[in-house]
Amino acid sequence: MPTEENYLTKEKFEELSKELEYLKTTKRKEIAENLEYARSLGDLSENAEYQEARDLQAATEERIKQLDAMLKNPKIVSHTKSDTVSLGSIVVIKKDGDDESHKYEIVGSEEANMKERKISHLSPLGEALMGKRKGEEFTFETPNGKQKYSIISVE
């Protein structure tokens, strides 16, 4: 199975590294203490605290595994000023027929967040934008059919 390339900004890499360190040290210790306390309460088959601590332990270990995989071989994105859309670009686009433009940052899939106007380079819109230049028109498939846009600017 090929490993998926994880594109991360330096900031996101540092944030995920800190989260991983916290989970491996502090959180694991807290969970172990909670498990020990829950065990001391007696019968484990009807012990809600014990079951809750085990569930938290499983979720934490899964997140650690996920972060380890993401941080194993990351591709750190450092956007250089270019007129071509690439990872790290900030793009302003406008739908044909609309007066309103929209601004997005192209990021790796781990950083995608529509509230922050960050779209993945693997999303339909992100894929359609990659490699395009200011002034170019492009179309991409949406649930409402094909949409036509033009690129106003690339930062």
Protein backbone atom coordinates (compact mmCIF):
# COMPACT_ATOMS: atom_id res chain seq x y z
CA MET A 1 0.00 0.00 0.00
CA PRO A 2 1.56 3.33 -1.03
CA THR A 3 1.99 5.87 1.73
CA GLU A 4 0.05 9.06 1.23
CA GLU A 5 2.20 12.16 1.14
CA ASN A 6 1.34 14.53 3.96
CA TYR A 7 1.76 18.14 2.94
CA LEU A 8 2.03 20.37 5.99
CA THR A 9 3.04 23.93 6.63
CA LYS A 10 5.85 24.39 9.13
CA GLU A 11 3.32 25.76 11.64
CA LYS A 12 0.99 22.74 11.29
CA PHE A 13 3.94 20.34 11.57
CA GLU A 14 4.99 21.98 14.84
CA GLU A 15 1.39 21.96 16.15
CA LEU A 16 0.98 18.24 15.39
CA SER A 17 4.40 17.44 16.88
CA LYS A 18 3.41 19.19 20.12
CA GLU A 19 0.10 17.31 20.21
CA LEU A 20 1.91 14.00 19.70
CA GLU A 21 4.39 14.76 22.49
CA TYR A 22 1.53 15.71 24.85
CA LEU A 23 -0.40 12.53 24.06
CA LYS A 24 2.64 10.29 24.50
CA THR A 25 3.69 11.81 27.80
CA THR A 26 1.04 13.67 29.78
CA LYS A 27 -2.16 12.11 28.39
CA ARG A 28 -0.93 8.51 28.58
CA LYS A 29 0.06 9.08 32.22
CA GLU A 30 -3.35 10.58 33.07
CA ILE A 31 -5.13 7.65 31.46
CA ALA A 32 -2.96 5.12 33.32
CA GLU A 33 -3.80 6.85 36.60
CA ASN A 34 -7.52 6.82 35.75
CA LEU A 35 -7.35 3.11 34.89
CA GLU A 36 -5.57 2.34 38.14
CA TYR A 37 -8.19 4.26 40.13
CA ALA A 38 -11.07 2.59 38.26
CA ARG A 39 -9.54 -0.86 38.87
CA SER A 40 -9.44 -0.11 42.58
CA LEU A 41 -13.21 0.35 42.60
CA GLY A 42 -13.78 -3.38 42.22
CA ASP A 43 -15.81 -5.44 39.73
CA LEU A 44 -14.58 -4.41 36.25
CA SER A 45 -17.56 -5.89 34.40
CA GLU A 46 -19.93 -3.27 35.82
CA ASN A 47 -17.44 -0.45 36.30
CA ALA A 48 -18.38 2.56 34.14
CA GLU A 49 -15.25 4.52 35.12
CA TYR A 50 -13.04 1.65 34.01
CA GLN A 51 -14.85 1.28 30.67
CA GLU A 52 -14.67 5.03 30.05
CA ALA A 53 -10.92 5.07 30.80
CA ARG A 54 -10.38 2.11 28.43
CA ASP A 55 -12.32 3.88 25.67
CA LEU A 56 -10.27 7.03 26.19
CA GLN A 57 -7.08 4.97 26.12
CA ALA A 58 -8.10 3.37 22.80
CA ALA A 59 -8.98 6.73 21.24
CA THR A 60 -5.71 8.26 22.44
CA GLU A 61 -3.62 5.39 21.11
CA GLU A 62 -5.42 5.63 17.75
CA ARG A 63 -4.65 9.37 17.55
CA ILE A 64 -1.00 8.71 18.46
CA LYS A 65 -0.81 6.13 15.67
CA GLN A 66 -2.41 8.59 13.24
CA LEU A 67 -0.03 11.40 14.18
CA ASP A 68 3.01 9.11 14.01
CA ALA A 69 2.03 8.16 10.45
CA MET A 70 1.42 11.79 9.44
CA LEU A 71 4.69 13.03 10.88
CA LYS A 72 6.81 10.12 9.64
CA ASN A 73 7.56 11.56 6.18
CA PRO A 74 5.91 14.97 5.91
CA LYS A 75 6.42 17.26 2.97
CA ILE A 76 6.91 20.70 4.51
CA VAL A 77 5.31 23.32 2.29
CA SER A 78 7.09 26.62 2.04
CA HIS A 79 5.31 28.69 -0.55
CA THR A 80 7.48 30.84 -2.71
CA LYS A 81 6.03 33.83 -4.55
CA SER A 82 4.73 32.52 -7.84
CA ASP A 83 2.01 33.36 -10.31
CA THR A 84 1.06 29.68 -10.52
CA VAL A 85 -1.32 28.08 -8.01
CA SER A 86 0.46 25.55 -5.80
CA LEU A 87 0.38 24.35 -2.21
CA GLY A 88 0.52 27.38 0.05
CA SER A 89 -0.93 29.75 -2.55
CA ILE A 90 -3.66 32.19 -1.64
CA VAL A 91 -6.07 32.40 -4.55
CA VAL A 92 -8.93 34.77 -5.26
CA ILE A 93 -11.53 33.31 -7.63
CA LYS A 94 -14.85 34.45 -9.04
CA LYS A 95 -17.69 32.34 -10.39
CA ASP A 96 -18.87 33.29 -13.87
CA GLY A 97 -21.96 35.46 -13.55
CA ASP A 98 -21.30 36.41 -9.90
CA ASP A 99 -20.05 39.77 -8.67
CA GLU A 100 -18.62 38.34 -5.46
CA SER A 101 -15.10 36.86 -5.33
CA HIS A 102 -13.81 34.25 -2.87
CA LYS A 103 -10.36 33.93 -1.34
CA TYR A 104 -8.86 30.53 -0.42
CA GLU A 105 -5.54 29.17 0.75
CA ILE A 106 -4.41 25.89 -0.85
CA VAL A 107 -3.18 23.49 1.86
CA GLY A 108 -2.54 19.81 2.48
CA SER A 109 -5.55 17.67 3.39
CA GLU A 110 -4.68 17.64 7.13
CA GLU A 111 -4.98 21.43 7.32
CA ALA A 112 -8.17 21.88 5.27
CA ASN A 113 -10.71 24.00 7.14
CA MET A 114 -13.51 25.83 5.31
CA LYS A 115 -14.14 28.17 8.27
CA GLU A 116 -10.60 29.46 7.78
CA ARG A 117 -10.99 29.39 3.97
CA LYS A 118 -8.30 26.71 3.66
CA ILE A 119 -9.01 24.08 1.01
CA SER A 120 -7.18 20.86 0.33
CA HIS A 121 -5.19 20.50 -2.84
CA LEU A 122 -7.02 17.15 -3.20
CA SER A 123 -10.53 18.63 -3.06
CA PRO A 124 -12.36 19.07 -6.38
CA LEU A 125 -11.81 22.85 -6.28
CA GLY A 126 -8.21 22.49 -5.09
CA GLU A 127 -7.39 20.01 -7.84
CA ALA A 128 -8.99 22.28 -10.45
CA LEU A 129 -6.90 25.24 -9.25
CA MET A 130 -3.50 23.52 -9.07
CA GLY A 131 -1.11 24.74 -11.77
CA LYS A 132 -3.42 27.52 -13.02
CA ARG A 133 -2.40 31.18 -13.32
CA LYS A 134 -3.99 34.57 -12.74
CA GLY A 135 -6.58 35.31 -15.44
CA GLU A 136 -7.18 31.67 -16.34
CA GLU A 137 -10.65 30.20 -16.40
CA PHE A 138 -11.39 26.70 -15.16
CA THR A 139 -14.34 24.41 -14.52
CA PHE A 140 -14.88 21.74 -11.93
CA GLU A 141 -17.64 19.33 -10.97
CA THR A 142 -19.93 20.18 -8.03
CA PRO A 143 -23.11 18.50 -6.77
CA ASN A 144 -24.97 21.15 -8.82
CA GLY A 145 -23.08 20.28 -12.01
CA LYS A 146 -20.07 21.87 -13.66
CA GLN A 147 -19.15 25.35 -12.44
CA LYS A 148 -17.00 27.85 -14.33
CA TYR A 149 -14.66 30.19 -12.44
CA SER A 150 -11.85 32.59 -13.22
CA ILE A 151 -8.74 33.30 -11.17
CA ILE A 152 -8.54 36.94 -10.08
CA SER A 153 -5.21 36.74 -8.25
CA VAL A 154 -2.57 34.33 -6.94
CA GLU A 155 -0.42 35.24 -3.95
